[in-house]
N, C-alpha and C. Protein backbone atom coordinates (compact mmCIF):
# COMPACT_ATOMS: atom_id res chain seq x y z
N UNK A 1 -20.48 52.96 29.63
CA UNK A 1 -19.76 51.78 29.24
C UNK A 1 -18.28 51.98 29.51
N UNK A 2 -17.66 51.01 30.07
CA UNK A 2 -16.26 51.13 30.44
C UNK A 2 -15.41 50.47 29.36
N UNK A 3 -14.62 51.23 28.63
CA UNK A 3 -13.80 50.70 27.54
C UNK A 3 -12.33 50.94 27.83
N UNK A 4 -11.82 50.36 28.86
CA UNK A 4 -10.39 50.52 29.11
C UNK A 4 -9.65 49.32 28.53
N UNK A 5 -8.46 49.56 28.08
CA UNK A 5 -7.65 48.52 27.46
C UNK A 5 -6.88 47.78 28.52
N UNK A 6 -6.86 46.46 28.38
CA UNK A 6 -6.14 45.63 29.33
C UNK A 6 -4.73 45.40 28.82
N UNK A 7 -3.76 45.47 29.71
CA UNK A 7 -2.37 45.22 29.33
C UNK A 7 -1.98 43.78 29.58
N UNK A 8 -2.96 42.94 29.95
CA UNK A 8 -2.66 41.53 30.22
C UNK A 8 -2.46 40.80 28.90
N UNK A 9 -1.41 39.96 28.83
CA UNK A 9 -1.17 39.22 27.59
C UNK A 9 -2.23 38.14 27.41
N UNK A 10 -2.43 37.72 26.17
CA UNK A 10 -3.40 36.69 25.86
C UNK A 10 -4.26 37.14 24.69
N UNK A 11 -5.30 36.42 24.43
CA UNK A 11 -6.21 36.80 23.35
C UNK A 11 -7.55 37.15 23.96
N UNK A 12 -8.44 37.66 23.14
CA UNK A 12 -9.76 38.00 23.63
C UNK A 12 -10.50 36.73 24.05
N UNK A 13 -10.40 35.70 23.22
CA UNK A 13 -11.09 34.45 23.52
C UNK A 13 -10.44 33.69 24.66
N UNK A 14 -9.12 33.74 24.77
CA UNK A 14 -8.39 33.01 25.81
C UNK A 14 -7.41 33.95 26.50
N UNK A 15 -7.88 34.68 27.44
CA UNK A 15 -6.95 35.58 28.14
C UNK A 15 -5.98 34.78 28.99
N UNK A 16 -4.78 35.27 29.09
CA UNK A 16 -3.75 34.60 29.87
C UNK A 16 -4.04 34.83 31.35
N UNK A 17 -4.28 33.76 32.05
CA UNK A 17 -4.55 33.87 33.49
C UNK A 17 -3.57 32.99 34.23
N UNK A 18 -3.47 33.19 35.51
CA UNK A 18 -2.61 32.36 36.34
C UNK A 18 -3.43 31.39 37.15
N UNK A 19 -4.59 31.13 36.67
CA UNK A 19 -5.52 30.23 37.34
C UNK A 19 -5.10 28.78 37.05
N UNK A 20 -5.17 27.87 38.03
CA UNK A 20 -4.74 26.49 37.78
C UNK A 20 -5.68 25.72 36.86
N UNK A 21 -6.84 26.26 36.56
CA UNK A 21 -7.78 25.57 35.68
C UNK A 21 -7.29 25.69 34.25
N UNK A 22 -7.03 24.57 33.54
CA UNK A 22 -6.48 24.66 32.18
C UNK A 22 -7.45 25.28 31.18
N UNK A 23 -8.74 25.26 31.48
CA UNK A 23 -9.70 25.87 30.55
C UNK A 23 -9.55 27.39 30.50
N UNK A 24 -9.07 27.97 31.58
CA UNK A 24 -8.95 29.43 31.64
C UNK A 24 -7.58 29.92 31.22
N UNK A 25 -6.69 29.05 30.81
CA UNK A 25 -5.34 29.46 30.43
C UNK A 25 -5.25 29.60 28.92
N UNK A 26 -4.33 30.42 28.50
CA UNK A 26 -4.08 30.58 27.07
C UNK A 26 -3.37 29.34 26.55
N UNK A 27 -3.54 29.05 25.27
CA UNK A 27 -2.87 27.86 24.73
C UNK A 27 -1.36 28.04 24.72
N UNK A 28 -0.66 26.95 24.94
CA UNK A 28 0.80 27.00 24.97
C UNK A 28 1.33 27.04 23.55
N UNK A 29 2.31 27.83 23.32
CA UNK A 29 2.95 27.86 22.01
C UNK A 29 4.03 26.78 22.01
N UNK A 30 4.16 26.06 20.92
CA UNK A 30 5.16 24.98 20.89
C UNK A 30 6.57 25.54 20.92
N UNK A 31 7.43 24.82 21.59
CA UNK A 31 8.82 25.24 21.66
C UNK A 31 9.55 24.82 20.39
N UNK A 32 10.75 25.28 20.24
CA UNK A 32 11.55 24.97 19.07
C UNK A 32 11.84 23.48 18.98
N UNK A 33 12.09 22.84 20.13
CA UNK A 33 12.38 21.40 20.11
C UNK A 33 11.14 20.61 19.70
N UNK A 34 9.94 21.09 20.12
CA UNK A 34 8.70 20.41 19.70
C UNK A 34 8.52 20.52 18.19
N UNK A 35 8.80 21.70 17.66
CA UNK A 35 8.64 21.89 16.22
C UNK A 35 9.61 21.01 15.44
N UNK A 36 10.87 20.93 15.89
CA UNK A 36 11.84 20.10 15.18
C UNK A 36 11.47 18.62 15.31
N UNK A 37 10.92 18.23 16.47
CA UNK A 37 10.51 16.84 16.65
C UNK A 37 9.38 16.51 15.69
N UNK A 38 8.42 17.43 15.57
CA UNK A 38 7.31 17.21 14.64
C UNK A 38 7.82 17.15 13.20
N UNK A 39 8.73 18.06 12.88
CA UNK A 39 9.27 18.09 11.52
C UNK A 39 10.04 16.80 11.22
N UNK A 40 10.85 16.34 12.18
CA UNK A 40 11.61 15.12 11.94
C UNK A 40 10.67 13.92 11.88
N UNK A 41 9.58 13.93 12.71
CA UNK A 41 8.60 12.84 12.63
C UNK A 41 7.93 12.83 11.27
N UNK A 42 7.59 14.02 10.77
CA UNK A 42 6.95 14.10 9.46
C UNK A 42 7.92 13.61 8.38
N UNK A 43 9.18 14.01 8.52
CA UNK A 43 10.19 13.58 7.54
C UNK A 43 10.36 12.06 7.58
N UNK A 44 10.44 11.51 8.79
CA UNK A 44 10.59 10.06 8.91
C UNK A 44 9.37 9.35 8.37
N UNK A 45 8.19 9.90 8.65
CA UNK A 45 6.97 9.31 8.13
C UNK A 45 6.96 9.33 6.60
N UNK A 46 7.41 10.46 6.04
CA UNK A 46 7.46 10.58 4.58
C UNK A 46 8.47 9.59 4.00
N UNK A 47 9.61 9.46 4.68
CA UNK A 47 10.62 8.50 4.22
C UNK A 47 10.09 7.08 4.28
N UNK A 48 9.39 6.74 5.38
CA UNK A 48 8.82 5.39 5.49
C UNK A 48 7.80 5.15 4.40
N UNK A 49 6.98 6.18 4.13
CA UNK A 49 5.97 6.04 3.08
C UNK A 49 6.63 5.84 1.72
N UNK A 50 7.70 6.60 1.46
CA UNK A 50 8.42 6.44 0.20
C UNK A 50 9.02 5.04 0.11
N UNK A 51 9.60 4.57 1.21
CA UNK A 51 10.20 3.24 1.21
C UNK A 51 9.12 2.18 0.98
N UNK A 52 7.97 2.34 1.64
CA UNK A 52 6.87 1.40 1.44
C UNK A 52 6.42 1.40 -0.01
N UNK A 53 6.33 2.57 -0.61
CA UNK A 53 5.92 2.67 -2.01
C UNK A 53 6.93 1.98 -2.91
N UNK A 54 8.21 2.11 -2.59
CA UNK A 54 9.24 1.46 -3.41
C UNK A 54 9.21 -0.06 -3.24
N UNK A 55 8.82 -0.52 -2.04
CA UNK A 55 8.81 -1.96 -1.78
C UNK A 55 7.49 -2.63 -2.20
N UNK A 56 6.50 -1.85 -2.60
CA UNK A 56 5.22 -2.43 -2.97
C UNK A 56 5.32 -3.43 -4.13
N UNK A 57 6.03 -3.12 -5.22
CA UNK A 57 6.13 -4.11 -6.30
C UNK A 57 6.78 -5.42 -5.84
N UNK A 58 7.77 -5.30 -4.95
CA UNK A 58 8.43 -6.49 -4.42
C UNK A 58 7.45 -7.32 -3.59
N UNK A 59 6.66 -6.65 -2.77
CA UNK A 59 5.67 -7.36 -1.95
C UNK A 59 4.60 -7.99 -2.84
N UNK A 60 4.20 -7.27 -3.88
CA UNK A 60 3.21 -7.81 -4.80
C UNK A 60 3.75 -9.04 -5.53
N UNK A 61 5.00 -8.97 -5.98
CA UNK A 61 5.62 -10.11 -6.65
C UNK A 61 5.74 -11.30 -5.70
N UNK A 62 6.09 -11.03 -4.45
CA UNK A 62 6.19 -12.11 -3.46
C UNK A 62 4.82 -12.77 -3.23
N UNK A 63 3.77 -11.95 -3.14
CA UNK A 63 2.42 -12.49 -2.93
C UNK A 63 1.98 -13.30 -4.14
N UNK A 64 2.28 -12.82 -5.34
CA UNK A 64 1.91 -13.56 -6.54
C UNK A 64 2.66 -14.89 -6.61
N UNK A 65 3.93 -14.87 -6.23
CA UNK A 65 4.72 -16.10 -6.25
C UNK A 65 4.17 -17.11 -5.25
N UNK A 66 3.82 -16.65 -4.06
CA UNK A 66 3.24 -17.55 -3.07
C UNK A 66 1.92 -18.13 -3.57
N UNK A 67 1.12 -17.30 -4.24
CA UNK A 67 -0.15 -17.79 -4.80
C UNK A 67 0.13 -18.86 -5.86
N UNK A 68 1.10 -18.62 -6.71
CA UNK A 68 1.45 -19.62 -7.74
C UNK A 68 1.93 -20.92 -7.12
N UNK A 69 2.73 -20.81 -6.06
CA UNK A 69 3.21 -22.02 -5.38
C UNK A 69 2.04 -22.79 -4.77
N UNK A 70 1.09 -22.07 -4.17
CA UNK A 70 -0.09 -22.75 -3.62
C UNK A 70 -0.89 -23.43 -4.72
N UNK A 71 -1.07 -22.75 -5.85
CA UNK A 71 -1.81 -23.34 -6.97
C UNK A 71 -1.09 -24.57 -7.51
N UNK A 72 0.22 -24.51 -7.62
CA UNK A 72 0.99 -25.66 -8.11
C UNK A 72 0.88 -26.84 -7.16
N UNK A 73 0.95 -26.56 -5.86
CA UNK A 73 0.80 -27.64 -4.88
C UNK A 73 -0.60 -28.25 -4.95
N UNK A 74 -1.61 -27.42 -5.11
CA UNK A 74 -2.97 -27.92 -5.25
C UNK A 74 -3.10 -28.79 -6.51
N UNK A 75 -2.48 -28.34 -7.59
CA UNK A 75 -2.52 -29.11 -8.84
C UNK A 75 -1.82 -30.46 -8.67
N UNK A 76 -0.68 -30.47 -7.99
CA UNK A 76 0.03 -31.73 -7.75
C UNK A 76 -0.81 -32.69 -6.92
N UNK A 77 -1.47 -32.16 -5.89
CA UNK A 77 -2.32 -33.02 -5.05
C UNK A 77 -3.48 -33.61 -5.86
N UNK A 78 -4.11 -32.78 -6.69
CA UNK A 78 -5.24 -33.29 -7.48
C UNK A 78 -4.76 -34.32 -8.50
N UNK A 79 -3.59 -34.11 -9.11
CA UNK A 79 -3.06 -35.09 -10.06
C UNK A 79 -2.75 -36.40 -9.35
N UNK A 80 -2.18 -36.31 -8.14
CA UNK A 80 -1.87 -37.51 -7.36
C UNK A 80 -3.15 -38.27 -7.01
N UNK A 81 -4.20 -37.54 -6.65
CA UNK A 81 -5.48 -38.17 -6.33
C UNK A 81 -6.08 -38.86 -7.56
N UNK A 82 -6.04 -38.20 -8.69
CA UNK A 82 -6.56 -38.81 -9.92
C UNK A 82 -5.78 -40.07 -10.29
N UNK A 83 -4.46 -40.01 -10.16
CA UNK A 83 -3.64 -41.18 -10.46
C UNK A 83 -3.97 -42.34 -9.52
N UNK A 84 -4.16 -42.03 -8.23
CA UNK A 84 -4.50 -43.08 -7.26
C UNK A 84 -5.85 -43.70 -7.60
N UNK A 85 -6.82 -42.90 -8.00
CA UNK A 85 -8.14 -43.44 -8.37
C UNK A 85 -8.05 -44.32 -9.61
N UNK A 86 -7.26 -43.87 -10.60
CA UNK A 86 -7.07 -44.70 -11.81
C UNK A 86 -6.46 -46.05 -11.46
N UNK A 87 -5.40 -46.01 -10.63
CA UNK A 87 -4.74 -47.26 -10.23
C UNK A 87 -5.69 -48.15 -9.43
N UNK A 88 -6.53 -47.56 -8.61
CA UNK A 88 -7.49 -48.35 -7.83
C UNK A 88 -8.49 -49.03 -8.76
N UNK A 89 -9.01 -48.31 -9.75
CA UNK A 89 -9.95 -48.91 -10.71
C UNK A 89 -9.28 -50.04 -11.50
N UNK A 90 -8.03 -49.80 -11.89
CA UNK A 90 -7.29 -50.84 -12.63
C UNK A 90 -7.11 -52.09 -11.76
N UNK A 91 -6.78 -51.87 -10.47
CA UNK A 91 -6.62 -53.02 -9.56
C UNK A 91 -7.95 -53.75 -9.36
N UNK A 92 -9.04 -53.01 -9.26
CA UNK A 92 -10.36 -53.65 -9.12
C UNK A 92 -10.71 -54.47 -10.36
N UNK A 93 -10.42 -53.96 -11.54
CA UNK A 93 -10.68 -54.73 -12.78
C UNK A 93 -9.83 -55.99 -12.83
N UNK A 94 -8.55 -55.87 -12.42
CA UNK A 94 -7.68 -57.06 -12.41
C UNK A 94 -8.21 -58.09 -11.42
N UNK A 95 -8.71 -57.63 -10.27
CA UNK A 95 -9.28 -58.55 -9.29
C UNK A 95 -10.50 -59.26 -9.86
N UNK A 96 -11.36 -58.53 -10.54
CA UNK A 96 -12.55 -59.14 -11.16
C UNK A 96 -12.15 -60.17 -12.22
N UNK A 97 -11.15 -59.84 -13.03
CA UNK A 97 -10.68 -60.79 -14.05
C UNK A 97 -10.16 -62.08 -13.39
N UNK A 98 -9.39 -61.89 -12.31
CA UNK A 98 -8.84 -63.06 -11.61
C UNK A 98 -9.97 -63.92 -11.03
N UNK A 99 -11.00 -63.32 -10.48
CA UNK A 99 -12.13 -64.08 -9.93
C UNK A 99 -12.87 -64.83 -11.04
N UNK A 100 -13.08 -64.13 -12.16
CA UNK A 100 -13.76 -64.82 -13.28
C UNK A 100 -12.93 -65.99 -13.79
N UNK A 101 -11.62 -65.75 -13.90
CA UNK A 101 -10.77 -66.85 -14.38
C UNK A 101 -10.80 -68.03 -13.41
N UNK A 102 -10.79 -67.73 -12.12
CA UNK A 102 -10.86 -68.82 -11.12
C UNK A 102 -12.19 -69.54 -11.19
N UNK A 103 -13.26 -68.79 -11.35
CA UNK A 103 -14.59 -69.44 -11.47
C UNK A 103 -14.68 -70.29 -12.70
N UNK A 104 -14.12 -69.85 -13.81
CA UNK A 104 -14.14 -70.64 -15.06
C UNK A 104 -13.32 -71.91 -14.87
N UNK A 105 -12.18 -71.80 -14.18
CA UNK A 105 -11.36 -72.98 -13.98
C UNK A 105 -12.04 -73.99 -13.08
N UNK A 106 -12.77 -73.54 -12.08
CA UNK A 106 -13.46 -74.44 -11.17
C UNK A 106 -14.63 -75.13 -11.89
N UNK A 107 -15.30 -74.42 -12.75
CA UNK A 107 -16.47 -74.98 -13.45
C UNK A 107 -16.07 -76.03 -14.48
N UNK A 108 -14.90 -75.99 -15.03
CA UNK A 108 -14.52 -76.96 -16.06
C UNK A 108 -14.06 -78.19 -15.46
């Protein structure tokens, strides 16, 4: 059995080769700028999440207010419809009274 040590850099699972095939190359270590970019992205993401959490009650209050406005508008429309129906029935009764009065006057 041949047990000589290799001086080639890399790992046992992924030895460093100069082969153009990416499967045979060792994984790239991230550079300092990549790490700072990731860190700043994470920080910005955390800041956005914190800001969103702070704005949630405001968004909830806005949604509730819009719902109340929709309910109030619906209530106004239904009240207007009921009033129109009442007035229509009253006008129909007045018309019937006028017809009866005219018929009584013609018969006498």
